[in-house]
Amino acid sequence: MMAEHLAARIEAGELPPNTPLPSERRLAQEYGVSLGTARHATRLLRYRGLVVTIRSKGTYIANRHGRPQ
């Protein structure tokens, strides 16, 4: 459910392309879920191509081509 809600926010433009996704800890607090649930939601978004994780930099909302500029 959390991943679906985040996906809807991305598709609605509330979370624009090439901007950082809040940290998994912050998402867990915002949604009132465990850190593991937040990580799973991020993993689902990455699998769907909605976000891209760059090692040591963070997770970003993907642009139309699936990678940040």
N, C-alpha and C. Protein backbone atom coordinates (compact mmCIF):
# COMPACT_ATOMS: atom_id res chain seq x y z
N MET A 1 0.82 -1.19 0.00
CA MET A 1 0.00 0.00 0.00
C MET A 1 0.87 1.26 0.00
N MET A 2 1.95 1.21 0.75
CA MET A 2 2.84 2.37 0.80
C MET A 2 3.47 2.63 -0.56
N ALA A 3 3.91 1.58 -1.23
CA ALA A 3 4.51 1.72 -2.56
C ALA A 3 3.49 2.28 -3.56
N GLU A 4 2.25 1.82 -3.45
CA GLU A 4 1.20 2.32 -4.35
C GLU A 4 0.95 3.80 -4.11
N HIS A 5 0.93 4.20 -2.84
CA HIS A 5 0.71 5.61 -2.52
C HIS A 5 1.85 6.47 -3.04
N LEU A 6 3.09 6.02 -2.85
CA LEU A 6 4.24 6.76 -3.36
C LEU A 6 4.22 6.82 -4.88
N ALA A 7 3.85 5.71 -5.52
CA ALA A 7 3.76 5.69 -6.99
C ALA A 7 2.73 6.72 -7.46
N ALA A 8 1.61 6.81 -6.77
CA ALA A 8 0.57 7.79 -7.14
C ALA A 8 1.10 9.21 -6.97
N ARG A 9 1.87 9.46 -5.91
CA ARG A 9 2.46 10.79 -5.69
C ARG A 9 3.45 11.12 -6.80
N ILE A 10 4.22 10.13 -7.24
CA ILE A 10 5.19 10.34 -8.33
C ILE A 10 4.44 10.65 -9.62
N GLU A 11 3.44 9.84 -9.94
CA GLU A 11 2.70 10.02 -11.19
C GLU A 11 1.90 11.32 -11.21
N ALA A 12 1.48 11.80 -10.03
CA ALA A 12 0.73 13.06 -9.94
C ALA A 12 1.66 14.28 -10.02
N GLY A 13 2.97 14.04 -9.97
CA GLY A 13 3.92 15.14 -10.04
C GLY A 13 4.25 15.75 -8.68
N GLU A 14 3.69 15.20 -7.61
CA GLU A 14 4.00 15.70 -6.28
C GLU A 14 5.47 15.45 -5.93
N LEU A 15 6.00 14.36 -6.47
CA LEU A 15 7.42 14.04 -6.34
C LEU A 15 8.00 14.09 -7.75
N PRO A 16 8.55 15.25 -8.16
CA PRO A 16 9.00 15.41 -9.55
C PRO A 16 10.27 14.63 -9.88
N PRO A 17 10.47 14.35 -11.17
CA PRO A 17 11.67 13.62 -11.62
C PRO A 17 12.96 14.30 -11.18
N ASN A 18 13.96 13.49 -10.93
CA ASN A 18 15.32 13.91 -10.59
C ASN A 18 15.43 14.56 -9.22
N THR A 19 14.42 14.43 -8.37
CA THR A 19 14.51 14.92 -7.00
C THR A 19 14.68 13.73 -6.07
N PRO A 20 15.33 13.94 -4.95
CA PRO A 20 15.55 12.81 -4.04
C PRO A 20 14.25 12.34 -3.38
N LEU A 21 14.13 11.04 -3.27
CA LEU A 21 13.06 10.44 -2.49
C LEU A 21 13.46 10.60 -1.03
N PRO A 22 12.54 10.92 -0.14
CA PRO A 22 12.93 10.99 1.28
C PRO A 22 13.59 9.68 1.72
N SER A 23 14.44 9.77 2.74
CA SER A 23 15.14 8.58 3.22
C SER A 23 14.14 7.53 3.68
N GLU A 24 14.59 6.28 3.69
CA GLU A 24 13.72 5.19 4.11
C GLU A 24 13.29 5.38 5.57
N ARG A 25 14.16 5.90 6.40
CA ARG A 25 13.80 6.17 7.80
C ARG A 25 12.69 7.22 7.87
N ARG A 26 12.84 8.27 7.08
CA ARG A 26 11.83 9.32 7.09
C ARG A 26 10.49 8.81 6.55
N LEU A 27 10.55 8.00 5.48
CA LEU A 27 9.32 7.42 4.93
C LEU A 27 8.64 6.52 5.96
N ALA A 28 9.44 5.73 6.68
CA ALA A 28 8.89 4.85 7.71
C ALA A 28 8.16 5.67 8.78
N GLN A 29 8.76 6.77 9.19
CA GLN A 29 8.12 7.64 10.20
C GLN A 29 6.86 8.28 9.63
N GLU A 30 6.95 8.79 8.40
CA GLU A 30 5.83 9.48 7.77
C GLU A 30 4.61 8.56 7.62
N TYR A 31 4.87 7.30 7.24
CA TYR A 31 3.78 6.36 7.00
C TYR A 31 3.45 5.51 8.22
N GLY A 32 4.24 5.63 9.28
CA GLY A 32 3.99 4.86 10.49
C GLY A 32 4.21 3.37 10.31
N VAL A 33 5.27 3.02 9.56
CA VAL A 33 5.58 1.62 9.30
C VAL A 33 7.00 1.32 9.75
N SER A 34 7.38 0.06 9.71
CA SER A 34 8.74 -0.33 10.08
C SER A 34 9.71 0.06 8.97
N LEU A 35 10.99 0.13 9.33
CA LEU A 35 12.02 0.43 8.35
C LEU A 35 12.06 -0.63 7.26
N GLY A 36 11.83 -1.88 7.61
CA GLY A 36 11.80 -2.97 6.64
C GLY A 36 10.70 -2.77 5.60
N THR A 37 9.55 -2.29 6.04
CA THR A 37 8.44 -2.03 5.12
C THR A 37 8.79 -0.90 4.18
N ALA A 38 9.42 0.15 4.71
CA ALA A 38 9.84 1.28 3.87
C ALA A 38 10.87 0.82 2.83
N ARG A 39 11.79 -0.04 3.25
CA ARG A 39 12.80 -0.56 2.31
C ARG A 39 12.14 -1.40 1.22
N HIS A 40 11.17 -2.19 1.61
CA HIS A 40 10.47 -3.02 0.64
C HIS A 40 9.72 -2.14 -0.37
N ALA A 41 9.08 -1.09 0.11
CA ALA A 41 8.36 -0.17 -0.78
C ALA A 41 9.32 0.49 -1.76
N THR A 42 10.48 0.91 -1.27
CA THR A 42 11.49 1.52 -2.15
C THR A 42 11.96 0.52 -3.20
N ARG A 43 12.15 -0.73 -2.77
CA ARG A 43 12.58 -1.78 -3.70
C ARG A 43 11.52 -2.01 -4.78
N LEU A 44 10.24 -1.99 -4.41
CA LEU A 44 9.16 -2.15 -5.39
C LEU A 44 9.14 -0.99 -6.39
N LEU A 45 9.34 0.22 -5.90
CA LEU A 45 9.37 1.39 -6.79
C LEU A 45 10.55 1.30 -7.74
N ARG A 46 11.70 0.82 -7.24
CA ARG A 46 12.88 0.65 -8.09
C ARG A 46 12.61 -0.40 -9.17
N TYR A 47 11.97 -1.50 -8.79
CA TYR A 47 11.63 -2.57 -9.73
C TYR A 47 10.70 -2.05 -10.83
N ARG A 48 9.77 -1.16 -10.46
CA ARG A 48 8.82 -0.59 -11.42
C ARG A 48 9.44 0.53 -12.26
N GLY A 49 10.68 0.91 -11.95
CA GLY A 49 11.35 1.95 -12.72
C GLY A 49 10.94 3.36 -12.34
N LEU A 50 10.31 3.52 -11.18
CA LEU A 50 9.87 4.84 -10.75
C LEU A 50 10.95 5.59 -9.99
N VAL A 51 11.89 4.86 -9.41
CA VAL A 51 13.01 5.49 -8.71
C VAL A 51 14.30 4.79 -9.10
N VAL A 52 15.40 5.51 -8.90
CA VAL A 52 16.73 4.98 -9.19
C VAL A 52 17.59 5.24 -7.97
N THR A 53 18.30 4.22 -7.49
CA THR A 53 19.19 4.39 -6.35
C THR A 53 20.62 4.47 -6.85
N ILE A 54 21.31 5.53 -6.41
CA ILE A 54 22.71 5.73 -6.76
C ILE A 54 23.52 5.54 -5.50
N ARG A 55 24.41 4.58 -5.53
CA ARG A 55 25.20 4.23 -4.35
C ARG A 55 25.88 5.46 -3.76
N SER A 56 25.80 5.60 -2.46
CA SER A 56 26.38 6.69 -1.68
C SER A 56 25.76 8.06 -1.95
N LYS A 57 24.73 8.12 -2.77
CA LYS A 57 24.08 9.40 -3.06
C LYS A 57 22.63 9.41 -2.64
N GLY A 58 21.92 8.30 -2.82
CA GLY A 58 20.53 8.25 -2.43
C GLY A 58 19.63 7.72 -3.52
N THR A 59 18.34 7.83 -3.28
CA THR A 59 17.33 7.35 -4.22
C THR A 59 16.61 8.55 -4.79
N TYR A 60 16.48 8.57 -6.11
CA TYR A 60 15.90 9.69 -6.82
C TYR A 60 14.70 9.25 -7.65
N ILE A 61 13.78 10.17 -7.84
CA ILE A 61 12.63 9.91 -8.70
C ILE A 61 13.17 9.82 -10.13
N ALA A 62 12.83 8.75 -10.82
CA ALA A 62 13.33 8.52 -12.18
C ALA A 62 12.68 9.48 -13.16
N ASN A 63 13.47 9.87 -14.17
CA ASN A 63 12.87 10.65 -15.26
C ASN A 63 12.25 9.68 -16.25
N ARG A 64 11.75 10.16 -17.34
CA ARG A 64 11.06 9.29 -18.30
C ARG A 64 11.94 8.18 -18.87
N HIS A 65 13.24 8.42 -18.86
CA HIS A 65 14.16 7.42 -19.41
C HIS A 65 14.67 6.45 -18.35
N GLY A 66 14.21 6.63 -17.09
CA GLY A 66 14.56 5.70 -16.04
C GLY A 66 15.83 5.98 -15.30
N ARG A 67 16.48 7.12 -15.54
CA ARG A 67 17.68 7.46 -14.78
C ARG A 67 17.77 8.97 -14.59
N PRO A 68 18.34 9.40 -13.46
CA PRO A 68 18.43 10.83 -13.22
C PRO A 68 19.43 11.50 -14.15
N GLN A 69 19.23 12.79 -14.38
CA GLN A 69 20.14 13.53 -15.26
C GLN A 69 21.22 14.19 -14.45
